[in-house]
C-alpha atoms as a PDB file:
ATOM      1  CA  MET A   1      11.422  15.347   6.389  1.00  0.00           C
ATOM      2  CA  ILE A   2      10.217  14.361   2.860  1.00  0.00           C
ATOM      3  CA  PRO A   3       6.519  14.214   2.212  1.00  0.00           C
ATOM      4  CA  TYR A   4       5.980  10.302   1.015  1.00  0.00           C
ATOM      5  CA  ARG A   5       3.425   8.664  -0.928  1.00  0.00           C
ATOM      6  CA  VAL A   6       2.943   4.996  -0.143  1.00  0.00           C
ATOM      7  CA  SER A   7       0.609   2.608  -1.791  1.00  0.00           C
ATOM      8  CA  VAL A   8      -1.077  -0.190   0.367  1.00  0.00           C
ATOM      9  CA  LEU A   9      -2.976  -3.164  -0.788  1.00  0.00           C
ATOM     10  CA  ALA A  10      -6.244  -3.919   1.062  1.00  0.00           C
ATOM     11  CA  PRO A  11      -7.963  -7.351   0.636  1.00  0.00           C
ATOM     12  CA  ASN A  12     -11.528  -7.332  -0.484  1.00  0.00           C
ATOM     13  CA  ALA A  13     -13.183  -9.653   1.827  1.00  0.00           C
ATOM     14  CA  ASP A  14     -16.167 -10.773  -0.997  1.00  0.00           C
ATOM     15  CA  ASP A  15     -13.446 -11.577  -3.793  1.00  0.00           C
ATOM     16  CA  ASP A  16      -9.627 -12.761  -2.869  1.00  0.00           C
ATOM     17  CA  ARG A  17      -8.794 -11.659  -6.384  1.00  0.00           C
ATOM     18  CA  SER A  18      -9.871  -7.908  -5.997  1.00  0.00           C
ATOM     19  CA  HIS A  19      -7.886  -5.360  -4.002  1.00  0.00           C
ATOM     20  CA  LYS A  20      -8.402  -1.821  -2.829  1.00  0.00           C
ATOM     21  CA  VAL A  21      -5.006  -0.037  -3.650  1.00  0.00           C
ATOM     22  CA  MET A  22      -4.888   2.712  -1.439  1.00  0.00           C
ATOM     23  CA  VAL A  23      -2.284   5.724  -1.137  1.00  0.00           C
ATOM     24  CA  PHE A  24      -1.323   7.153   2.339  1.00  0.00           C
ATOM     25  CA  GLY A  25       0.576  10.186   2.836  1.00  0.00           C
ATOM     26  CA  THR A  26       3.160  10.604   5.544  1.00  0.00           C
ATOM     27  CA  TYR A  27       6.647  12.232   6.487  1.00  0.00           C
ATOM     28  CA  ALA A  28       9.483  10.442   7.221  1.00  0.00           C
ATOM     29  CA  ASP A  29      13.293  10.852   7.125  1.00  0.00           C
ATOM     30  CA  THR A  30      13.747   7.627   4.684  1.00  0.00           C
ATOM     31  CA  ASP A  31      11.946   5.517   2.304  1.00  0.00           C
ATOM     32  CA  GLY A  32      12.289   2.713   5.087  1.00  0.00           C
ATOM     33  CA  GLU A  33      11.083   5.019   7.660  1.00  0.00           C
ATOM     34  CA  ALA A  34       7.969   5.950   5.528  1.00  0.00           C
ATOM     35  CA  LEU A  35       7.285   2.215   4.676  1.00  0.00           C
ATOM     36  CA  ARG A  36       7.449   1.315   8.335  1.00  0.00           C
ATOM     37  CA  THR A  37       5.252   3.946   9.652  1.00  0.00           C
ATOM     38  CA  VAL A  38       2.636   3.222   7.021  1.00  0.00           C
ATOM     39  CA  SER A  39       3.182  -0.501   7.892  1.00  0.00           C
ATOM     40  CA  GLY A  40       2.370   0.192  11.598  1.00  0.00           C
ATOM     41  CA  ALA A  41      -0.729   2.220  10.829  1.00  0.00           C
ATOM     42  CA  MET A  42      -2.374  -0.410   8.703  1.00  0.00           C
ATOM     43  CA  PRO A  43      -4.762  -3.165   9.880  1.00  0.00           C
ATOM     44  CA  ASP A  44      -3.710  -6.796   9.813  1.00  0.00           C
ATOM     45  CA  GLY A  45      -4.024  -8.254   6.328  1.00  0.00           C
ATOM     46  CA  TRP A  46      -3.132  -5.252   4.587  1.00  0.00           C
ATOM     47  CA  ARG A  47       0.099  -5.213   2.697  1.00  0.00           C
ATOM     48  CA  VAL A  48       2.290  -2.181   2.175  1.00  0.00           C
ATOM     49  CA  ASP A  49       3.255  -2.063  -1.331  1.00  0.00           C
ATOM     50  CA  ARG A  50       5.748   0.606  -2.192  1.00  0.00           C
ATOM     51  CA  ILE A  51       6.737   4.032  -2.182  1.00  0.00           C
ATOM     52  CA  ALA A  52       4.556   5.783  -4.678  1.00  0.00           C
ATOM     53  CA  GLY A  53       6.363   9.009  -5.011  1.00  0.00           C
ATOM     54  CA  LEU A  54       6.310  11.976  -3.097  1.00  0.00           C
ATOM     55  CA  LEU A  55       3.277  14.248  -2.176  1.00  0.00           C
ATOM     56  CA  SER A  56       2.476  17.257  -4.380  1.00  0.00           C
ATOM     57  CA  ARG A  57       2.843  20.526  -2.771  1.00  0.00           C
ATOM     58  CA  ALA A  58      -0.919  20.941  -2.906  1.00  0.00           C
ATOM     59  CA  GLU A  59      -1.374  17.545  -0.962  1.00  0.00           C
ATOM     60  CA  VAL A  60       1.032  18.817   1.799  1.00  0.00           C
ATOM     61  CA  GLU A  61      -0.798  21.891   2.323  1.00  0.00           C
ATOM     62  CA  GLN A  62      -4.436  20.375   2.507  1.00  0.00           C
ATOM     63  CA  LEU A  63      -2.987  17.340   4.777  1.00  0.00           C
ATOM     64  CA  ARG A  64      -0.715  19.270   7.022  1.00  0.00           C
ATOM     65  CA  LEU A  65       0.900  16.233   8.369  1.00  0.00           C
ATOM     66  CA  ALA A  66       3.056  15.993  11.424  1.00  0.00           C
ATOM     67  CA  HIS A  67       6.174  13.746  11.417  1.00  0.00           C
ATOM     68  CA  GLY A  68       4.652  10.025  11.904  1.00  0.00           C
ATOM     69  CA  GLU A  69       1.204  10.735  10.965  1.00  0.00           C
ATOM     70  CA  VAL A  70      -0.572   8.760   8.237  1.00  0.00           C
ATOM     71  CA  ARG A  71      -3.510   9.874   6.185  1.00  0.00           C
ATOM     72  CA  GLU A  72      -5.225   8.424   3.235  1.00  0.00           C
ATOM     73  CA  VAL A  73      -4.716  10.439  -0.048  1.00  0.00           C
ATOM     74  CA  SER A  74      -6.636   8.366  -2.592  1.00  0.00           C
ATOM     75  CA  SER A  75      -7.869   4.619  -3.336  1.00  0.00           C
ATOM     76  CA  PHE A  76      -9.029   2.335  -6.216  1.00  0.00           C
ATOM     77  CA  THR A  77      -9.900  -1.170  -6.880  1.00  0.00           C
ATOM     78  CA  ILE A  78      -8.190  -3.453  -8.991  1.00  0.00           C
ATOM     79  CA  ASP A  79     -10.016  -6.573 -10.060  1.00  0.00           C
ATOM     80  CA  GLY A  80      -7.979  -9.996 -10.838  1.00  0.00           C
ATOM     81  CA  LEU A  81      -4.850  -8.651  -8.924  1.00  0.00           C
ATOM     82  CA  LEU A  82      -2.103 -11.106  -9.330  1.00  0.00           C
ATOM     83  CA  THR A  83      -0.392 -10.869  -5.991  1.00  0.00           C
ATOM     84  CA  PRO A  84       3.557 -11.930  -5.575  1.00  0.00           C
ATOM     85  CA  GLU A  85       2.407 -15.207  -4.537  1.00  0.00           C
ATOM     86  CA  ASP A  86       0.192 -16.095  -7.476  1.00  0.00           C
ATOM     87  CA  ALA A  87       3.223 -14.826  -9.733  1.00  0.00           C
ATOM     88  CA  LEU A  88       5.256 -17.333  -8.198  1.00  0.00           C
ATOM     89  CA  TYR A  89       3.171 -19.977  -9.085  1.00  0.00           C
ATOM     90  CA  ALA A  90       2.133 -18.582 -12.539  1.00  0.00           C
ATOM     91  CA  SER A  91       5.940 -18.294 -13.334  1.00  0.00           C
ATOM     92  CA  GLN A  92       6.503 -21.993 -12.493  1.00  0.00           C
ATOM     93  CA  GLU A  93       3.315 -23.205 -14.259  1.00  0.00           C
ATOM     94  CA  ARG A  94       2.050 -24.752 -11.100  1.00  0.00           C
ATOM     95  CA  SER A  95      -1.453 -23.942  -9.677  1.00  0.00           C
ATOM     96  CA  ARG A  96      -1.396 -22.484  -6.120  1.00  0.00           C
ATOM     97  CA  PRO A  97      -2.203 -24.459  -3.384  1.00  0.00           C
ATOM     98  CA  GLU A  98      -5.340 -23.439  -1.607  1.00  0.00           C
ATOM     99  CA  ALA A  99      -4.447 -23.365   1.857  1.00  0.00           C
ATOM    100  CA  LEU A 100      -1.754 -20.459   1.849  1.00  0.00           C
END
């Protein structure tokens, strides 16, 4: 098993242009399994972003994860985040429809 770090975007209820980026740790056999495992543990509206690397030896020893278990490693907030949907409209020089 591989100790993965997976980043997740959690929306800010007060500001749709601000997201909390959270990093979760999990053990999995493949990248795809790590992404699915973390995705399955997230609330509706949270988006699994990508594999953010591997857990350090210290993180592995501290978290003591079992296969398939998901735990938060760290988090931070990004203001003015350009989501993939926003980037699509920005690249086409159109304004984003309000009802997406």
